[in-house]
Amino acid sequence: MKMARNASRFASLMILVLLTGSCTFASSWMSPVGNRDLPPILSQDEIIRPFNKLGRIKVTREVFVTDYAVTPEIRAWGYQAIREEAAKMEADAVILPEVTGRTITSLITTSTEYLATGVAIKFK
């Protein structure tokens, strides 16, 4: 009896360890940029070398009123999101960042849609 209870505890513990470890592994494996440094956001005054535009980055996020876990630092989220997308494009920097939001009201809920944009550049 005691041995069966210990075996079930051990099995539960192993499942918990596997689930926790696999989530950590999956999040690090699926990370879009890995451990690389993200490209900086530069102002027009900071650009002193010629560059090529790689493309315009546009990331959206919709937050519902019932999302209590969402942090209010939307500008930080926007800058981080466009830097991550620029890293996927192997850009050297991001210029012209902009983070905006608008409220969307439907019949049942109200949500806010945030839009982060920027231009990914590569120095010559």
N, C-alpha and C. Protein backbone atom coordinates (compact mmCIF):
# COMPACT_ATOMS: atom_id res chain seq x y z
N MET A 1 0.83 -1.19 0.00
CA MET A 1 0.00 0.00 0.00
C MET A 1 0.87 1.26 0.00
N LYS A 2 1.84 1.28 0.92
CA LYS A 2 2.73 2.43 1.01
C LYS A 2 3.59 2.55 -0.25
N MET A 3 3.98 1.42 -0.81
CA MET A 3 4.80 1.41 -2.02
C MET A 3 4.02 1.94 -3.21
N ALA A 4 2.74 1.63 -3.30
CA ALA A 4 1.90 2.11 -4.39
C ALA A 4 1.71 3.63 -4.29
N ARG A 5 1.55 4.12 -3.07
CA ARG A 5 1.39 5.55 -2.87
C ARG A 5 2.69 6.29 -3.24
N ASN A 6 3.84 5.72 -2.88
CA ASN A 6 5.11 6.34 -3.24
C ASN A 6 5.32 6.32 -4.75
N ALA A 7 4.90 5.23 -5.39
CA ALA A 7 5.04 5.13 -6.84
C ALA A 7 4.16 6.17 -7.54
N SER A 8 2.96 6.39 -7.04
CA SER A 8 2.09 7.40 -7.66
C SER A 8 2.63 8.81 -7.42
N ARG A 9 3.20 9.05 -6.26
CA ARG A 9 3.83 10.35 -5.99
C ARG A 9 5.02 10.57 -6.93
N PHE A 10 5.81 9.53 -7.10
CA PHE A 10 6.98 9.63 -7.97
C PHE A 10 6.54 9.89 -9.41
N ALA A 11 5.50 9.19 -9.86
CA ALA A 11 5.00 9.38 -11.22
C ALA A 11 4.46 10.81 -11.40
N SER A 12 3.74 11.30 -10.41
CA SER A 12 3.22 12.67 -10.48
C SER A 12 4.36 13.69 -10.51
N LEU A 13 5.38 13.45 -9.71
CA LEU A 13 6.53 14.34 -9.69
C LEU A 13 7.26 14.32 -11.04
N MET A 14 7.41 13.15 -11.63
CA MET A 14 8.09 13.04 -12.92
C MET A 14 7.29 13.75 -14.02
N ILE A 15 5.98 13.63 -14.00
CA ILE A 15 5.14 14.31 -14.99
C ILE A 15 5.28 15.82 -14.83
N LEU A 16 5.27 16.30 -13.59
CA LEU A 16 5.43 17.72 -13.33
C LEU A 16 6.79 18.23 -13.83
N VAL A 17 7.84 17.47 -13.57
CA VAL A 17 9.18 17.86 -14.02
C VAL A 17 9.25 17.86 -15.53
N LEU A 18 8.69 16.87 -16.18
CA LEU A 18 8.71 16.81 -17.63
C LEU A 18 7.93 17.96 -18.27
N LEU A 19 6.77 18.26 -17.71
CA LEU A 19 5.97 19.35 -18.26
C LEU A 19 6.66 20.70 -18.06
N THR A 20 7.20 20.92 -16.90
CA THR A 20 7.89 22.19 -16.63
C THR A 20 9.14 22.31 -17.48
N GLY A 21 9.92 21.26 -17.56
CA GLY A 21 11.15 21.28 -18.35
C GLY A 21 10.87 21.42 -19.83
N SER A 22 9.83 20.75 -20.32
CA SER A 22 9.53 20.84 -21.75
C SER A 22 9.03 22.22 -22.12
N CYS A 23 8.31 22.89 -21.23
CA CYS A 23 7.86 24.25 -21.51
C CYS A 23 9.05 25.20 -21.59
N THR A 24 9.99 25.02 -20.68
CA THR A 24 11.18 25.86 -20.71
C THR A 24 11.98 25.60 -21.97
N PHE A 25 12.14 24.34 -22.33
CA PHE A 25 12.88 24.00 -23.53
C PHE A 25 12.18 24.53 -24.77
N ALA A 26 10.86 24.38 -24.82
CA ALA A 26 10.11 24.82 -26.00
C ALA A 26 10.17 26.34 -26.14
N SER A 27 10.08 27.07 -25.04
CA SER A 27 10.12 28.52 -25.15
C SER A 27 11.49 29.01 -25.59
N SER A 28 12.56 28.35 -25.15
CA SER A 28 13.88 28.78 -25.58
C SER A 28 14.15 28.32 -27.01
N TRP A 29 13.61 27.19 -27.40
CA TRP A 29 13.82 26.67 -28.74
C TRP A 29 13.01 27.46 -29.76
N MET A 30 11.81 27.91 -29.38
CA MET A 30 10.94 28.61 -30.29
C MET A 30 11.18 30.11 -30.27
N SER A 31 12.10 30.58 -29.46
CA SER A 31 12.40 32.00 -29.40
C SER A 31 12.89 32.49 -30.75
N PRO A 32 12.30 33.56 -31.29
CA PRO A 32 12.63 33.98 -32.64
C PRO A 32 14.06 34.48 -32.81
N VAL A 33 14.64 35.03 -31.76
CA VAL A 33 15.96 35.61 -31.92
C VAL A 33 17.02 34.91 -31.11
N GLY A 34 16.64 33.98 -30.28
CA GLY A 34 17.63 33.26 -29.49
C GLY A 34 18.33 34.18 -28.51
N ASN A 35 19.62 33.99 -28.37
CA ASN A 35 20.39 34.78 -27.43
C ASN A 35 21.12 35.95 -28.08
N ARG A 36 20.83 36.22 -29.33
CA ARG A 36 21.49 37.34 -30.01
C ARG A 36 21.03 38.66 -29.43
N ASP A 37 21.86 39.67 -29.64
CA ASP A 37 21.47 41.02 -29.25
C ASP A 37 20.47 41.56 -30.26
N LEU A 38 19.49 42.28 -29.76
CA LEU A 38 18.50 42.87 -30.65
C LEU A 38 19.05 44.16 -31.23
N PRO A 39 18.66 44.49 -32.46
CA PRO A 39 19.13 45.75 -33.05
C PRO A 39 18.58 46.95 -32.29
N PRO A 40 19.36 48.01 -32.17
CA PRO A 40 18.89 49.18 -31.43
C PRO A 40 17.90 50.01 -32.24
N ILE A 41 17.17 50.85 -31.54
CA ILE A 41 16.31 51.82 -32.18
C ILE A 41 17.09 53.13 -32.22
N LEU A 42 17.29 53.66 -33.41
CA LEU A 42 18.09 54.86 -33.59
C LEU A 42 17.24 56.03 -34.07
N SER A 43 17.60 57.22 -33.63
CA SER A 43 16.96 58.42 -34.15
C SER A 43 17.69 58.84 -35.42
N GLN A 44 17.13 59.77 -36.14
CA GLN A 44 17.75 60.22 -37.39
C GLN A 44 19.12 60.86 -37.13
N ASP A 45 19.30 61.49 -35.99
CA ASP A 45 20.57 62.13 -35.65
C ASP A 45 21.68 61.11 -35.37
N GLU A 46 21.31 59.92 -34.97
CA GLU A 46 22.30 58.91 -34.61
C GLU A 46 22.83 58.13 -35.82
N ILE A 47 22.20 58.29 -36.96
CA ILE A 47 22.63 57.56 -38.15
C ILE A 47 23.73 58.38 -38.84
N ILE A 48 24.95 57.83 -38.85
CA ILE A 48 26.07 58.56 -39.45
C ILE A 48 26.65 57.83 -40.65
N ARG A 49 26.14 56.63 -40.94
CA ARG A 49 26.63 55.85 -42.08
C ARG A 49 25.50 55.63 -43.07
N PRO A 50 25.82 55.41 -44.34
CA PRO A 50 24.77 55.09 -45.31
C PRO A 50 24.14 53.73 -44.99
N PHE A 51 22.88 53.58 -45.38
CA PHE A 51 22.17 52.34 -45.06
C PHE A 51 21.19 52.01 -46.17
N ASN A 52 20.75 50.76 -46.15
CA ASN A 52 19.68 50.28 -47.03
C ASN A 52 18.48 49.96 -46.17
N LYS A 53 17.29 50.30 -46.66
CA LYS A 53 16.07 49.93 -45.96
C LYS A 53 15.72 48.48 -46.31
N LEU A 54 15.57 47.65 -45.26
CA LEU A 54 15.19 46.26 -45.48
C LEU A 54 13.68 46.10 -45.60
N GLY A 55 12.96 46.92 -44.90
CA GLY A 55 11.50 46.83 -44.96
C GLY A 55 10.84 47.49 -43.78
N ARG A 56 9.55 47.68 -43.90
CA ARG A 56 8.75 48.28 -42.84
C ARG A 56 8.22 47.17 -41.95
N ILE A 57 8.34 47.35 -40.66
CA ILE A 57 7.88 46.37 -39.68
C ILE A 57 6.56 46.86 -39.11
N LYS A 58 5.61 45.95 -38.99
CA LYS A 58 4.29 46.29 -38.45
C LYS A 58 3.83 45.13 -37.58
N VAL A 59 3.63 45.40 -36.29
CA VAL A 59 3.20 44.38 -35.34
C VAL A 59 1.96 44.89 -34.63
N THR A 60 0.91 44.06 -34.55
CA THR A 60 -0.31 44.46 -33.86
C THR A 60 -0.56 43.57 -32.66
N ARG A 61 -1.31 44.11 -31.72
CA ARG A 61 -1.67 43.38 -30.50
C ARG A 61 -3.03 43.88 -30.05
N GLU A 62 -3.93 42.96 -29.79
CA GLU A 62 -5.26 43.34 -29.33
C GLU A 62 -5.41 42.93 -27.87
N VAL A 63 -5.79 43.90 -27.05
CA VAL A 63 -5.94 43.68 -25.62
C VAL A 63 -7.40 43.92 -25.25
N PHE A 64 -8.00 42.93 -24.62
CA PHE A 64 -9.39 43.05 -24.18
C PHE A 64 -9.44 43.62 -22.77
N VAL A 65 -10.55 44.20 -22.42
CA VAL A 65 -10.72 44.80 -21.09
C VAL A 65 -10.56 43.74 -20.01
N THR A 66 -10.91 42.51 -20.30
CA THR A 66 -10.85 41.44 -19.31
C THR A 66 -9.45 40.86 -19.15
N ASP A 67 -8.47 41.30 -19.94
CA ASP A 67 -7.09 40.80 -19.82
C ASP A 67 -6.39 41.53 -18.68
N TYR A 68 -6.45 40.94 -17.49
CA TYR A 68 -5.85 41.59 -16.33
C TYR A 68 -4.34 41.38 -16.27
N ALA A 69 -3.82 40.37 -16.96
CA ALA A 69 -2.40 40.06 -16.90
C ALA A 69 -1.56 40.94 -17.82
N VAL A 70 -2.19 41.74 -18.65
CA VAL A 70 -1.46 42.57 -19.60
C VAL A 70 -0.87 43.77 -18.87
N THR A 71 0.40 44.01 -19.08
CA THR A 71 1.05 45.15 -18.44
C THR A 71 0.75 46.42 -19.22
N PRO A 72 0.70 47.55 -18.56
CA PRO A 72 0.36 48.80 -19.24
C PRO A 72 1.52 49.43 -20.01
N GLU A 73 2.68 48.82 -20.01
CA GLU A 73 3.84 49.39 -20.68
C GLU A 73 3.80 49.06 -22.17
N ILE A 74 2.90 49.68 -22.86
CA ILE A 74 2.68 49.38 -24.27
C ILE A 74 3.83 49.87 -25.14
N ARG A 75 4.40 51.00 -24.82
CA ARG A 75 5.52 51.50 -25.61
C ARG A 75 6.71 50.54 -25.51
N ALA A 76 6.98 50.03 -24.32
CA ALA A 76 8.08 49.07 -24.15
C ALA A 76 7.79 47.80 -24.95
N TRP A 77 6.52 47.34 -24.92
CA TRP A 77 6.15 46.17 -25.72
C TRP A 77 6.37 46.44 -27.20
N GLY A 78 5.95 47.60 -27.68
CA GLY A 78 6.07 47.92 -29.09
C GLY A 78 7.50 47.98 -29.56
N TYR A 79 8.35 48.63 -28.78
CA TYR A 79 9.76 48.72 -29.15
C TYR A 79 10.41 47.33 -29.16
N GLN A 80 10.09 46.53 -28.17
CA GLN A 80 10.65 45.17 -28.10
C GLN A 80 10.16 44.34 -29.29
N ALA A 81 8.90 44.47 -29.64
CA ALA A 81 8.33 43.70 -30.76
C ALA A 81 8.99 44.06 -32.09
N ILE A 82 9.18 45.35 -32.35
CA ILE A 82 9.79 45.71 -33.63
C ILE A 82 11.28 45.38 -33.65
N ARG A 83 11.93 45.41 -32.50
CA ARG A 83 13.34 45.00 -32.45
C ARG A 83 13.48 43.50 -32.72
N GLU A 84 12.56 42.70 -32.19
CA GLU A 84 12.59 41.25 -32.44
C GLU A 84 12.35 40.94 -33.91
N GLU A 85 11.40 41.64 -34.51
CA GLU A 85 11.13 41.42 -35.93
C GLU A 85 12.32 41.86 -36.79
N ALA A 86 12.96 42.95 -36.40
CA ALA A 86 14.14 43.42 -37.13
C ALA A 86 15.28 42.41 -37.01
N ALA A 87 15.41 41.77 -35.87
CA ALA A 87 16.44 40.75 -35.69
C ALA A 87 16.19 39.56 -36.61
N LYS A 88 14.93 39.22 -36.83
CA LYS A 88 14.61 38.13 -37.76
C LYS A 88 15.04 38.48 -39.18
N MET A 89 15.02 39.77 -39.50
CA MET A 89 15.41 40.24 -40.83
C MET A 89 16.92 40.48 -40.93
N GLU A 90 17.62 40.23 -39.82
CA GLU A 90 19.07 40.47 -39.71
C GLU A 90 19.41 41.94 -39.96
N ALA A 91 18.60 42.82 -39.41
CA ALA A 91 18.82 44.26 -39.54
C ALA A 91 19.87 44.71 -38.53
N ASP A 92 20.51 45.82 -38.85
CA ASP A 92 21.48 46.42 -37.94
C ASP A 92 20.83 47.38 -36.95
N ALA A 93 19.70 47.97 -37.35
CA ALA A 93 19.02 48.93 -36.49
C ALA A 93 17.58 49.12 -36.96
N VAL A 94 16.82 49.85 -36.15
CA VAL A 94 15.44 50.21 -36.47
C VAL A 94 15.34 51.72 -36.38
N ILE A 95 14.71 52.33 -37.37
CA ILE A 95 14.48 53.77 -37.34
C ILE A 95 12.99 54.05 -37.45
N LEU A 96 12.62 55.27 -37.12
CA LEU A 96 11.23 55.75 -37.20
C LEU A 96 10.25 54.86 -36.43
N PRO A 97 10.51 54.55 -35.15
CA PRO A 97 9.57 53.73 -34.40
C PRO A 97 8.32 54.53 -34.03
N GLU A 98 7.19 53.84 -33.99
CA GLU A 98 5.93 54.48 -33.62
C GLU A 98 5.03 53.43 -32.99
N VAL A 99 4.44 53.76 -31.85
CA VAL A 99 3.51 52.87 -31.16
C VAL A 99 2.22 53.65 -30.96
N THR A 100 1.12 53.13 -31.51
CA THR A 100 -0.18 53.79 -31.39
C THR A 100 -1.22 52.79 -30.92
N GLY A 101 -2.36 53.29 -30.50
CA GLY A 101 -3.45 52.43 -30.06
C GLY A 101 -4.79 53.04 -30.39
N ARG A 102 -5.78 52.17 -30.58
CA ARG A 102 -7.14 52.64 -30.82
C ARG A 102 -8.11 51.69 -30.15
N THR A 103 -9.19 52.23 -29.66
CA THR A 103 -10.20 51.43 -28.97
C THR A 103 -11.21 50.92 -29.97
N ILE A 104 -11.52 49.63 -29.85
CA ILE A 104 -12.51 48.98 -30.71
C ILE A 104 -13.66 48.52 -29.83
N THR A 105 -14.86 48.98 -30.12
CA THR A 105 -16.03 48.59 -29.35
C THR A 105 -16.93 47.73 -30.22
N SER A 106 -17.22 46.53 -29.73
CA SER A 106 -18.16 45.65 -30.42
C SER A 106 -19.44 45.58 -29.58
N LEU A 107 -20.32 44.71 -29.96
CA LEU A 107 -21.59 44.60 -29.22
C LEU A 107 -21.40 44.11 -27.80
N ILE A 108 -20.41 43.25 -27.60
CA ILE A 108 -20.25 42.62 -26.29
C ILE A 108 -19.07 43.19 -25.50
N THR A 109 -17.93 43.33 -26.15
CA THR A 109 -16.71 43.72 -25.42
C THR A 109 -16.05 44.94 -26.04
N THR A 110 -15.17 45.50 -25.27
CA THR A 110 -14.33 46.59 -25.72
C THR A 110 -12.89 46.12 -25.69
N SER A 111 -12.16 46.42 -26.73
CA SER A 111 -10.75 46.05 -26.77
C SER A 111 -9.94 47.22 -27.30
N THR A 112 -8.64 47.12 -27.10
CA THR A 112 -7.73 48.13 -27.62
C THR A 112 -6.74 47.44 -28.53
N GLU A 113 -6.58 47.95 -29.72
CA GLU A 113 -5.62 47.40 -30.66
C GLU A 113 -4.40 48.31 -30.71
N TYR A 114 -3.24 47.74 -30.41
CA TYR A 114 -2.00 48.50 -30.43
C TYR A 114 -1.23 48.14 -31.68
N LEU A 115 -0.59 49.13 -32.27
CA LEU A 115 0.17 48.96 -33.50
C LEU A 115 1.56 49.53 -33.29
N ALA A 116 2.57 48.70 -33.52
CA ALA A 116 3.96 49.14 -33.44
C ALA A 116 4.57 49.03 -34.84
N THR A 117 5.17 50.12 -35.30
CA THR A 117 5.77 50.14 -36.63
C THR A 117 7.19 50.70 -36.54
N GLY A 118 7.98 50.37 -37.52
CA GLY A 118 9.34 50.88 -37.63
C GLY A 118 9.92 50.47 -38.96
N VAL A 119 11.11 50.95 -39.28
CA VAL A 119 11.79 50.61 -40.51
C VAL A 119 13.10 49.92 -40.16
N ALA A 120 13.28 48.71 -40.67
CA ALA A 120 14.51 47.96 -40.44
C ALA A 120 15.55 48.39 -41.46
N ILE A 121 16.77 48.66 -40.97
CA ILE A 121 17.84 49.09 -41.89
C ILE A 121 19.08 48.23 -41.72
N LYS A 122 19.89 48.19 -42.77
CA LYS A 122 21.17 47.48 -42.76
C LYS A 122 22.22 48.47 -43.23
N PHE A 123 23.27 48.64 -42.44
CA PHE A 123 24.33 49.57 -42.83
C PHE A 123 25.15 49.01 -43.98
N LYS A 124 25.61 49.91 -44.86
CA LYS A 124 26.43 49.50 -46.01
C LYS A 124 27.85 49.24 -45.58
